[in-house]
């Protein structure tokens, strides 16, 4: 997916901002986000939850994943297959291996199910009305365009920006959860 220059420079700026967050602050923010997630009805009542394993300076999702498994939820992580994402069920962290882009992904023998109640989407930047800036590969936009589900962006409050250029293929996010607030986007 071709990325425009404005998105590219905004992505670099926001990644730099996020990368400058200390690990201790990221741990605190991630714990606050984990608590807030449980206030979203769609998340709390979901049976099947799609979530990602963090890379770089992303929100730490390991505790969220562990809590979901402990609560008896079905947990699915994305696996890149060609140009698309597939969500595969994991039962523990031992179901994961290093995949594309050095991201921890479910092993090949994990069952695929793209019919999820909620998907937690990695985010570099987002507007209050749900226009998300990802890494620019379009994996999530393609998946979400084909699989209708409730979407939740978890990110640091400082990653919320006034404006992100929106392309036709960009899928709007339903909820934004940061360490400081929860926003249900206007649809």
N, C-alpha and C. Protein backbone atom coordinates (compact mmCIF):
# COMPACT_ATOMS: atom_id res chain seq x y z
N UNK A 1 0.83 -1.18 0.00
CA UNK A 1 0.00 0.00 0.00
C UNK A 1 0.88 1.25 0.00
N UNK A 2 0.67 2.10 -0.95
CA UNK A 2 1.50 3.30 -1.03
C UNK A 2 1.12 4.29 0.06
N UNK A 3 2.11 4.87 0.61
CA UNK A 3 1.90 5.79 1.71
C UNK A 3 2.23 7.20 1.24
N UNK A 4 1.40 8.17 1.63
CA UNK A 4 1.74 9.52 1.20
C UNK A 4 2.79 10.13 2.14
N UNK A 5 3.44 11.17 1.66
CA UNK A 5 4.55 11.78 2.39
C UNK A 5 4.11 12.34 3.73
N UNK A 6 2.91 12.92 3.77
CA UNK A 6 2.41 13.50 5.02
C UNK A 6 2.25 12.41 6.09
N UNK A 7 1.69 11.28 5.70
CA UNK A 7 1.53 10.16 6.64
C UNK A 7 2.89 9.64 7.10
N UNK A 8 3.81 9.54 6.15
CA UNK A 8 5.14 9.01 6.46
C UNK A 8 5.86 9.89 7.49
N UNK A 9 5.82 11.22 7.29
CA UNK A 9 6.52 12.10 8.23
C UNK A 9 5.80 12.14 9.58
N UNK A 10 4.46 12.08 9.56
CA UNK A 10 3.71 12.02 10.82
C UNK A 10 4.03 10.72 11.57
N UNK A 11 4.11 9.62 10.84
CA UNK A 11 4.45 8.32 11.44
C UNK A 11 5.82 8.39 12.10
N UNK A 12 6.81 8.95 11.40
CA UNK A 12 8.17 9.06 11.95
C UNK A 12 8.18 9.92 13.21
N UNK A 13 7.47 11.03 13.18
CA UNK A 13 7.40 11.94 14.33
C UNK A 13 6.77 11.24 15.53
N UNK A 14 5.63 10.56 15.31
CA UNK A 14 4.91 9.90 16.40
C UNK A 14 5.67 8.69 16.94
N UNK A 15 6.36 7.97 16.05
CA UNK A 15 7.17 6.83 16.51
C UNK A 15 8.32 7.32 17.39
N UNK A 16 8.93 8.42 16.97
CA UNK A 16 10.03 8.98 17.77
C UNK A 16 9.52 9.40 19.16
N UNK A 17 8.36 10.03 19.17
CA UNK A 17 7.74 10.46 20.41
C UNK A 17 7.47 9.25 21.33
N UNK A 18 6.89 8.20 20.73
CA UNK A 18 6.56 6.99 21.51
C UNK A 18 7.83 6.26 21.96
N UNK A 19 8.83 6.19 21.06
CA UNK A 19 10.09 5.50 21.38
C UNK A 19 10.82 6.18 22.55
N UNK A 20 10.56 7.46 22.76
CA UNK A 20 11.21 8.20 23.86
C UNK A 20 10.52 8.01 25.20
N UNK A 21 9.51 7.15 25.26
CA UNK A 21 8.82 6.86 26.51
C UNK A 21 9.62 5.81 27.26
N UNK A 22 9.90 6.06 28.53
CA UNK A 22 10.69 5.09 29.30
C UNK A 22 9.90 3.80 29.50
N UNK A 23 10.62 2.71 29.71
CA UNK A 23 9.99 1.41 29.91
C UNK A 23 9.09 1.44 31.16
N UNK A 24 9.56 2.11 32.21
CA UNK A 24 8.77 2.19 33.45
C UNK A 24 7.44 2.91 33.21
N UNK A 25 7.48 4.02 32.47
CA UNK A 25 6.24 4.73 32.14
C UNK A 25 5.34 3.88 31.27
N UNK A 26 5.93 3.12 30.34
CA UNK A 26 5.15 2.26 29.46
C UNK A 26 4.46 1.16 30.27
N UNK A 27 5.15 0.64 31.28
CA UNK A 27 4.55 -0.40 32.14
C UNK A 27 3.35 0.17 32.91
N UNK A 28 3.51 1.38 33.44
CA UNK A 28 2.43 2.04 34.18
C UNK A 28 1.24 2.33 33.25
N UNK A 29 1.52 2.90 32.08
CA UNK A 29 0.47 3.22 31.12
C UNK A 29 -0.26 1.95 30.67
N UNK A 30 0.49 0.88 30.41
CA UNK A 30 -0.10 -0.39 29.96
C UNK A 30 -1.03 -0.96 31.03
N UNK A 31 -0.64 -0.87 32.29
CA UNK A 31 -1.48 -1.37 33.39
C UNK A 31 -2.77 -0.55 33.50
N UNK A 32 -2.66 0.77 33.34
CA UNK A 32 -3.86 1.62 33.38
C UNK A 32 -4.80 1.30 32.22
N UNK A 33 -4.23 1.08 31.05
CA UNK A 33 -5.02 0.74 29.87
C UNK A 33 -5.73 -0.60 30.09
N UNK A 34 -5.02 -1.56 30.67
CA UNK A 34 -5.60 -2.88 30.93
C UNK A 34 -6.86 -2.75 31.81
N UNK A 35 -6.77 -1.90 32.83
CA UNK A 35 -7.94 -1.67 33.72
C UNK A 35 -9.10 -1.02 32.96
N UNK A 36 -8.78 -0.02 32.14
CA UNK A 36 -9.82 0.71 31.39
C UNK A 36 -10.53 -0.17 30.37
N UNK A 37 -9.81 -1.09 29.77
CA UNK A 37 -10.40 -1.98 28.76
C UNK A 37 -11.64 -2.68 29.32
N UNK A 38 -11.56 -3.07 30.59
CA UNK A 38 -12.65 -3.83 31.21
C UNK A 38 -13.93 -3.02 31.38
N UNK A 39 -13.84 -1.70 31.16
CA UNK A 39 -15.04 -0.85 31.25
C UNK A 39 -15.80 -0.80 29.93
N UNK A 40 -15.21 -1.35 28.88
CA UNK A 40 -15.88 -1.36 27.57
C UNK A 40 -16.70 -2.63 27.48
N UNK A 41 -17.99 -2.45 27.36
CA UNK A 41 -18.95 -3.55 27.34
C UNK A 41 -18.58 -4.61 26.30
N UNK A 42 -18.27 -4.18 25.08
CA UNK A 42 -17.95 -5.12 24.00
C UNK A 42 -16.72 -5.96 24.34
N UNK A 43 -15.75 -5.37 25.03
CA UNK A 43 -14.53 -6.10 25.43
C UNK A 43 -14.84 -7.05 26.59
N UNK A 44 -15.52 -6.52 27.59
CA UNK A 44 -15.81 -7.30 28.79
C UNK A 44 -16.64 -8.54 28.45
N UNK A 45 -17.58 -8.40 27.52
CA UNK A 45 -18.47 -9.50 27.18
C UNK A 45 -18.02 -10.32 25.97
N UNK A 46 -16.87 -9.99 25.43
CA UNK A 46 -16.37 -10.72 24.26
C UNK A 46 -15.97 -12.14 24.64
N UNK A 47 -16.24 -13.06 23.74
CA UNK A 47 -15.79 -14.45 23.91
C UNK A 47 -14.46 -14.63 23.19
N UNK A 48 -14.37 -14.04 21.97
CA UNK A 48 -13.18 -14.19 21.14
C UNK A 48 -12.54 -12.82 20.91
N UNK A 49 -11.30 -12.68 21.41
CA UNK A 49 -10.60 -11.40 21.36
C UNK A 49 -9.33 -11.52 20.52
N UNK A 50 -9.21 -10.63 19.55
CA UNK A 50 -7.98 -10.53 18.77
C UNK A 50 -7.10 -9.46 19.40
N UNK A 51 -5.84 -9.78 19.57
CA UNK A 51 -4.90 -8.83 20.20
C UNK A 51 -3.52 -9.10 19.62
N UNK A 52 -2.64 -8.12 19.70
CA UNK A 52 -1.30 -8.29 19.14
C UNK A 52 -0.27 -8.46 20.24
N UNK A 53 0.88 -9.03 19.88
CA UNK A 53 2.03 -9.13 20.78
C UNK A 53 2.90 -7.91 20.48
N UNK A 54 3.30 -7.15 21.50
CA UNK A 54 3.97 -5.87 21.24
C UNK A 54 5.37 -6.00 20.64
N UNK A 55 5.69 -5.00 19.79
CA UNK A 55 7.06 -4.85 19.29
C UNK A 55 7.48 -3.41 19.58
N UNK A 56 8.77 -3.19 19.65
CA UNK A 56 9.28 -1.83 19.86
C UNK A 56 8.66 -1.17 21.07
N UNK A 57 8.12 0.03 20.87
CA UNK A 57 7.58 0.81 21.99
C UNK A 57 6.05 0.74 22.06
N UNK A 58 5.46 -0.35 21.54
CA UNK A 58 4.01 -0.49 21.61
C UNK A 58 3.56 -0.76 23.06
N UNK A 59 2.27 -0.49 23.31
CA UNK A 59 1.69 -0.79 24.61
C UNK A 59 1.97 -2.26 24.92
N UNK A 60 2.37 -2.54 26.16
CA UNK A 60 2.70 -3.91 26.56
C UNK A 60 1.41 -4.71 26.74
N UNK A 61 1.20 -5.70 25.90
CA UNK A 61 -0.05 -6.45 25.92
C UNK A 61 0.06 -7.81 26.60
N UNK A 62 1.26 -8.20 27.04
CA UNK A 62 1.44 -9.54 27.60
C UNK A 62 0.50 -9.79 28.79
N UNK A 63 0.37 -8.81 29.70
CA UNK A 63 -0.50 -9.01 30.87
C UNK A 63 -1.97 -9.07 30.46
N UNK A 64 -2.33 -8.29 29.45
CA UNK A 64 -3.71 -8.32 28.94
C UNK A 64 -3.99 -9.72 28.36
N UNK A 65 -3.05 -10.22 27.56
CA UNK A 65 -3.20 -11.55 26.95
C UNK A 65 -3.35 -12.61 28.05
N UNK A 66 -2.46 -12.54 29.04
CA UNK A 66 -2.49 -13.52 30.13
C UNK A 66 -3.82 -13.46 30.89
N UNK A 67 -4.31 -12.25 31.15
CA UNK A 67 -5.57 -12.09 31.86
C UNK A 67 -6.73 -12.65 31.04
N UNK A 68 -6.74 -12.40 29.74
CA UNK A 68 -7.79 -12.93 28.87
C UNK A 68 -7.81 -14.45 28.91
N UNK A 69 -6.63 -15.07 28.83
CA UNK A 69 -6.53 -16.53 28.87
C UNK A 69 -7.03 -17.04 30.23
N UNK A 70 -6.58 -16.38 31.31
CA UNK A 70 -6.99 -16.78 32.67
C UNK A 70 -8.50 -16.64 32.87
N UNK A 71 -9.11 -15.64 32.20
CA UNK A 71 -10.55 -15.43 32.31
C UNK A 71 -11.36 -16.38 31.43
N UNK A 72 -10.68 -17.27 30.74
CA UNK A 72 -11.38 -18.25 29.90
C UNK A 72 -11.82 -17.73 28.54
N UNK A 73 -11.29 -16.59 28.14
CA UNK A 73 -11.61 -16.04 26.81
C UNK A 73 -10.80 -16.79 25.76
N UNK A 74 -11.31 -16.80 24.52
CA UNK A 74 -10.53 -17.32 23.42
C UNK A 74 -9.68 -16.17 22.90
N UNK A 75 -8.37 -16.38 22.83
CA UNK A 75 -7.43 -15.31 22.46
C UNK A 75 -6.79 -15.63 21.12
N UNK A 76 -6.82 -14.65 20.23
CA UNK A 76 -6.30 -14.81 18.87
C UNK A 76 -5.27 -13.73 18.59
N UNK A 77 -4.13 -14.13 18.04
CA UNK A 77 -3.10 -13.18 17.64
C UNK A 77 -2.94 -13.23 16.12
N UNK A 78 -2.54 -12.10 15.52
CA UNK A 78 -2.42 -12.06 14.07
C UNK A 78 -1.18 -12.77 13.57
N UNK A 79 -1.34 -13.38 12.40
CA UNK A 79 -0.21 -13.98 11.69
C UNK A 79 -0.28 -13.44 10.26
N UNK A 80 0.84 -12.97 9.75
CA UNK A 80 0.88 -12.46 8.39
C UNK A 80 0.99 -13.65 7.43
N UNK A 81 0.03 -13.71 6.50
CA UNK A 81 0.02 -14.76 5.49
C UNK A 81 -0.09 -14.06 4.14
N UNK A 82 1.01 -14.01 3.43
CA UNK A 82 1.04 -13.26 2.17
C UNK A 82 0.85 -11.78 2.45
N UNK A 83 -0.21 -11.20 1.87
CA UNK A 83 -0.49 -9.77 2.08
C UNK A 83 -1.58 -9.56 3.12
N UNK A 84 -1.99 -10.64 3.79
CA UNK A 84 -3.12 -10.55 4.71
C UNK A 84 -2.79 -11.00 6.12
N UNK A 85 -3.68 -10.64 7.05
CA UNK A 85 -3.59 -11.10 8.43
C UNK A 85 -4.60 -12.21 8.62
N UNK A 86 -4.21 -13.21 9.39
CA UNK A 86 -5.13 -14.23 9.87
C UNK A 86 -5.00 -14.21 11.38
N UNK A 87 -6.11 -14.36 12.07
CA UNK A 87 -6.02 -14.46 13.52
C UNK A 87 -6.08 -15.92 13.92
N UNK A 88 -5.12 -16.32 14.76
CA UNK A 88 -5.02 -17.72 15.18
C UNK A 88 -5.08 -17.81 16.69
N UNK A 89 -5.77 -18.85 17.15
CA UNK A 89 -6.01 -19.03 18.58
C UNK A 89 -4.75 -19.52 19.29
N UNK A 90 -4.46 -18.88 20.42
CA UNK A 90 -3.36 -19.34 21.27
C UNK A 90 -3.94 -19.71 22.63
N UNK A 91 -3.28 -20.64 23.31
CA UNK A 91 -3.72 -21.02 24.65
C UNK A 91 -2.69 -20.62 25.70
N UNK A 92 -1.49 -20.28 25.23
CA UNK A 92 -0.43 -19.79 26.12
C UNK A 92 0.66 -19.15 25.25
N UNK A 93 1.63 -18.54 25.90
CA UNK A 93 2.72 -17.89 25.14
C UNK A 93 3.58 -18.92 24.40
N UNK A 94 3.50 -20.19 24.81
CA UNK A 94 4.28 -21.23 24.11
C UNK A 94 3.68 -21.53 22.73
N UNK A 95 2.48 -20.98 22.44
CA UNK A 95 1.87 -21.14 21.11
C UNK A 95 2.48 -20.16 20.10
N UNK A 96 3.42 -19.30 20.55
CA UNK A 96 3.98 -18.25 19.70
C UNK A 96 5.39 -18.59 19.23
N UNK A 97 5.76 -18.02 18.07
CA UNK A 97 7.11 -18.11 17.54
C UNK A 97 7.41 -16.84 16.76
N UNK A 98 8.70 -16.56 16.51
CA UNK A 98 9.06 -15.36 15.74
C UNK A 98 8.61 -15.54 14.30
N UNK A 99 7.89 -14.51 13.80
CA UNK A 99 7.40 -14.57 12.42
C UNK A 99 7.92 -13.41 11.61
N UNK A 100 7.10 -12.94 10.67
CA UNK A 100 7.46 -11.81 9.82
C UNK A 100 7.77 -10.58 10.65
N UNK A 101 8.67 -9.76 10.17
CA UNK A 101 9.07 -8.50 10.83
C UNK A 101 9.56 -8.77 12.27
N UNK A 102 10.00 -10.00 12.56
CA UNK A 102 10.47 -10.38 13.91
C UNK A 102 9.38 -10.22 14.98
N UNK A 103 8.13 -10.37 14.58
CA UNK A 103 7.00 -10.24 15.50
C UNK A 103 6.62 -11.63 15.98
N UNK A 104 6.30 -11.75 17.26
CA UNK A 104 5.82 -13.02 17.79
C UNK A 104 4.44 -13.31 17.21
N UNK A 105 4.32 -14.47 16.54
CA UNK A 105 3.07 -14.86 15.89
C UNK A 105 2.69 -16.27 16.34
N UNK A 106 1.40 -16.60 16.20
CA UNK A 106 0.97 -17.97 16.51
C UNK A 106 1.65 -18.95 15.55
N UNK A 107 1.94 -20.14 16.06
CA UNK A 107 2.54 -21.19 15.23
C UNK A 107 1.53 -21.64 14.17
N UNK A 108 2.06 -22.31 13.13
CA UNK A 108 1.21 -22.74 12.02
C UNK A 108 0.09 -23.68 12.43
N UNK A 109 0.29 -24.44 13.51
CA UNK A 109 -0.74 -25.40 13.90
C UNK A 109 -1.85 -24.80 14.77
N UNK A 110 -1.77 -23.50 15.04
CA UNK A 110 -2.83 -22.83 15.81
C UNK A 110 -4.04 -22.62 14.89
N UNK A 111 -5.26 -22.93 15.38
CA UNK A 111 -6.45 -22.80 14.52
C UNK A 111 -6.76 -21.34 14.17
N UNK A 112 -7.16 -21.12 12.92
CA UNK A 112 -7.52 -19.79 12.41
C UNK A 112 -8.99 -19.52 12.65
N UNK A 113 -9.31 -18.31 13.07
CA UNK A 113 -10.71 -17.87 13.18
C UNK A 113 -10.71 -16.35 13.07
N UNK A 114 -11.25 -15.83 11.99
CA UNK A 114 -11.28 -14.38 11.79
C UNK A 114 -12.61 -13.76 12.20
N UNK A 115 -13.49 -14.56 12.77
CA UNK A 115 -14.79 -14.09 13.22
C UNK A 115 -14.70 -13.74 14.71
N UNK A 116 -14.13 -12.58 15.01
CA UNK A 116 -13.84 -12.19 16.39
C UNK A 116 -14.83 -11.16 16.90
N UNK A 117 -15.03 -11.15 18.23
CA UNK A 117 -15.94 -10.17 18.85
C UNK A 117 -15.29 -8.79 18.94
N UNK A 118 -14.00 -8.78 19.24
CA UNK A 118 -13.25 -7.54 19.43
C UNK A 118 -11.84 -7.74 18.89
N UNK A 119 -11.30 -6.69 18.27
CA UNK A 119 -9.88 -6.72 17.87
C UNK A 119 -9.20 -5.49 18.46
N UNK A 120 -8.13 -5.73 19.19
CA UNK A 120 -7.31 -4.65 19.73
C UNK A 120 -6.21 -4.39 18.71
N UNK A 121 -6.18 -3.14 18.23
CA UNK A 121 -5.37 -2.78 17.07
C UNK A 121 -4.14 -1.96 17.49
N UNK A 122 -2.94 -2.36 17.03
CA UNK A 122 -1.76 -1.56 17.32
C UNK A 122 -1.85 -0.21 16.62
N UNK A 123 -1.36 0.82 17.27
CA UNK A 123 -1.56 2.18 16.78
C UNK A 123 -0.32 3.02 16.99
N UNK A 124 0.07 3.76 15.95
CA UNK A 124 1.16 4.72 16.09
C UNK A 124 0.58 6.09 16.42
N UNK A 125 -0.53 6.43 15.77
CA UNK A 125 -1.22 7.69 16.03
C UNK A 125 -2.69 7.51 15.71
N UNK A 126 -3.53 8.35 16.30
CA UNK A 126 -4.97 8.25 16.05
C UNK A 126 -5.62 9.60 16.33
N UNK A 127 -6.70 9.89 15.61
CA UNK A 127 -7.46 11.11 15.87
C UNK A 127 -8.62 10.76 16.80
N UNK A 128 -9.18 11.75 17.51
CA UNK A 128 -10.30 11.46 18.41
C UNK A 128 -11.51 10.85 17.70
N UNK A 129 -11.60 11.02 16.38
CA UNK A 129 -12.73 10.41 15.67
C UNK A 129 -12.38 9.07 15.02
N UNK A 130 -11.22 8.50 15.38
CA UNK A 130 -10.93 7.12 15.02
C UNK A 130 -10.13 6.88 13.76
N UNK A 131 -9.53 7.93 13.16
CA UNK A 131 -8.65 7.70 12.01
C UNK A 131 -7.29 7.27 12.56
N UNK A 132 -6.90 6.03 12.23
CA UNK A 132 -5.70 5.43 12.82
C UNK A 132 -4.52 5.48 11.86
N UNK A 133 -3.36 5.73 12.43
CA UNK A 133 -2.12 5.65 11.68
C UNK A 133 -1.38 4.41 12.17
N UNK A 134 -1.19 3.46 11.27
CA UNK A 134 -0.46 2.24 11.61
C UNK A 134 0.93 2.30 11.00
N UNK A 135 1.47 1.14 10.69
CA UNK A 135 2.83 1.08 10.15
C UNK A 135 2.88 1.27 8.64
N UNK A 136 1.70 1.36 8.00
CA UNK A 136 1.68 1.67 6.58
C UNK A 136 1.63 0.47 5.64
N UNK A 137 1.51 -0.74 6.20
CA UNK A 137 1.45 -1.93 5.34
C UNK A 137 0.01 -2.29 4.98
N UNK A 138 -0.96 -1.76 5.73
CA UNK A 138 -2.37 -1.98 5.42
C UNK A 138 -2.95 -3.31 5.87
N UNK A 139 -2.19 -4.10 6.63
CA UNK A 139 -2.67 -5.42 7.07
C UNK A 139 -3.99 -5.31 7.84
N UNK A 140 -4.02 -4.43 8.84
CA UNK A 140 -5.23 -4.31 9.67
C UNK A 140 -6.39 -3.72 8.88
N UNK A 141 -6.12 -2.72 8.05
CA UNK A 141 -7.21 -2.12 7.25
C UNK A 141 -7.83 -3.17 6.33
N UNK A 142 -7.00 -4.00 5.69
CA UNK A 142 -7.54 -5.04 4.81
C UNK A 142 -8.36 -6.05 5.62
N UNK A 143 -7.82 -6.46 6.78
CA UNK A 143 -8.53 -7.44 7.62
C UNK A 143 -9.87 -6.87 8.10
N UNK A 144 -9.83 -5.64 8.62
CA UNK A 144 -11.04 -5.03 9.20
C UNK A 144 -12.09 -4.69 8.13
N UNK A 145 -11.66 -4.43 6.92
CA UNK A 145 -12.61 -4.16 5.83
C UNK A 145 -13.41 -5.42 5.50
N UNK A 146 -12.79 -6.58 5.67
CA UNK A 146 -13.44 -7.85 5.36
C UNK A 146 -14.13 -8.50 6.55
N UNK A 147 -13.70 -8.18 7.75
CA UNK A 147 -14.22 -8.83 8.96
C UNK A 147 -14.75 -7.77 9.91
N UNK A 148 -16.06 -7.61 9.93
CA UNK A 148 -16.67 -6.57 10.78
C UNK A 148 -16.61 -7.00 12.25
N UNK A 149 -16.07 -6.14 13.08
CA UNK A 149 -15.92 -6.42 14.50
C UNK A 149 -15.75 -5.11 15.24
N UNK A 150 -15.86 -5.14 16.55
CA UNK A 150 -15.57 -3.95 17.36
C UNK A 150 -14.06 -3.78 17.43
N UNK A 151 -13.59 -2.57 17.17
CA UNK A 151 -12.15 -2.30 17.20
C UNK A 151 -11.79 -1.37 18.36
N UNK A 152 -10.67 -1.69 19.00
CA UNK A 152 -10.17 -0.86 20.10
C UNK A 152 -8.70 -0.57 19.83
N UNK A 153 -8.38 0.71 19.81
CA UNK A 153 -6.99 1.13 19.68
C UNK A 153 -6.46 1.40 21.08
N UNK A 154 -5.34 0.77 21.43
CA UNK A 154 -4.72 1.08 22.72
C UNK A 154 -3.41 1.81 22.41
N UNK A 155 -3.27 2.97 23.03
CA UNK A 155 -2.12 3.81 22.70
C UNK A 155 -1.87 4.79 23.84
N UNK A 156 -0.76 5.46 23.79
CA UNK A 156 -0.47 6.51 24.76
C UNK A 156 -1.27 7.76 24.42
N UNK A 157 -1.65 8.50 25.43
CA UNK A 157 -2.44 9.72 25.22
C UNK A 157 -1.73 10.69 24.29
N UNK A 158 -0.40 10.75 24.37
CA UNK A 158 0.34 11.70 23.54
C UNK A 158 0.36 11.30 22.06
N UNK A 159 -0.18 10.11 21.73
CA UNK A 159 -0.24 9.67 20.33
C UNK A 159 -1.55 10.09 19.66
N UNK A 160 -2.46 10.72 20.43
CA UNK A 160 -3.70 11.22 19.84
C UNK A 160 -3.40 12.58 19.23
N UNK A 161 -3.71 12.72 17.94
CA UNK A 161 -3.42 13.96 17.22
C UNK A 161 -4.69 14.50 16.58
N UNK A 162 -4.66 15.79 16.25
CA UNK A 162 -5.86 16.43 15.68
C UNK A 162 -6.22 15.90 14.30
N UNK A 163 -5.18 15.63 13.48
CA UNK A 163 -5.46 15.28 12.09
C UNK A 163 -4.49 14.24 11.55
N UNK A 164 -5.06 13.26 10.86
CA UNK A 164 -4.28 12.27 10.11
C UNK A 164 -4.95 12.20 8.74
N UNK A 165 -4.19 12.29 7.66
CA UNK A 165 -4.81 12.18 6.34
C UNK A 165 -5.52 10.83 6.21
N UNK A 166 -6.78 10.84 5.76
CA UNK A 166 -7.54 9.59 5.65
C UNK A 166 -7.60 9.15 4.20
N UNK A 167 -7.25 7.89 3.97
CA UNK A 167 -7.37 7.29 2.65
C UNK A 167 -8.66 6.48 2.60
N UNK A 168 -9.12 6.18 1.39
CA UNK A 168 -10.37 5.42 1.22
C UNK A 168 -10.33 4.07 1.91
N UNK A 169 -9.17 3.43 1.95
CA UNK A 169 -9.07 2.09 2.54
C UNK A 169 -8.94 2.10 4.07
N UNK A 170 -8.75 3.27 4.67
CA UNK A 170 -8.58 3.35 6.13
C UNK A 170 -9.89 3.00 6.84
N UNK A 171 -9.82 2.07 7.78
CA UNK A 171 -10.99 1.67 8.56
C UNK A 171 -10.96 2.43 9.89
N UNK A 172 -12.08 3.07 10.23
CA UNK A 172 -12.15 3.82 11.48
C UNK A 172 -12.23 2.88 12.68
N UNK A 173 -11.63 3.32 13.78
CA UNK A 173 -11.58 2.56 15.02
C UNK A 173 -12.77 2.97 15.91
N UNK A 174 -13.37 2.00 16.61
CA UNK A 174 -14.55 2.27 17.45
C UNK A 174 -14.20 2.91 18.81
N UNK A 175 -13.13 2.42 19.42
CA UNK A 175 -12.74 2.89 20.76
C UNK A 175 -11.26 3.23 20.78
N UNK A 176 -10.91 4.24 21.57
CA UNK A 176 -9.50 4.57 21.84
C UNK A 176 -9.34 4.51 23.34
N UNK A 177 -8.35 3.74 23.79
CA UNK A 177 -8.08 3.64 25.23
C UNK A 177 -6.63 4.04 25.45
N UNK A 178 -6.44 5.05 26.29
CA UNK A 178 -5.09 5.49 26.67
C UNK A 178 -4.96 5.35 28.18
N UNK A 179 -3.80 5.72 28.69
CA UNK A 179 -3.60 5.66 30.14
C UNK A 179 -4.49 6.67 30.87
N UNK A 180 -4.94 7.72 30.17
CA UNK A 180 -5.71 8.78 30.81
C UNK A 180 -7.19 8.81 30.47
N UNK A 181 -7.58 8.24 29.33
CA UNK A 181 -8.99 8.36 28.94
C UNK A 181 -9.44 7.25 28.00
N UNK A 182 -10.77 7.20 27.85
CA UNK A 182 -11.41 6.29 26.91
C UNK A 182 -12.29 7.14 26.00
N UNK A 183 -12.18 6.90 24.70
CA UNK A 183 -12.97 7.69 23.75
C UNK A 183 -13.74 6.70 22.87
N UNK A 184 -15.07 6.87 22.86
CA UNK A 184 -15.87 6.13 21.88
C UNK A 184 -16.00 7.07 20.70
N UNK A 185 -15.46 6.64 19.55
CA UNK A 185 -15.43 7.55 18.40
C UNK A 185 -16.83 7.78 17.86
N UNK A 186 -17.03 8.92 17.28
CA UNK A 186 -18.33 9.28 16.72
C UNK A 186 -18.49 8.60 15.38
N UNK A 187 -19.53 7.82 15.20
CA UNK A 187 -19.74 7.11 13.94
C UNK A 187 -21.07 7.49 13.36
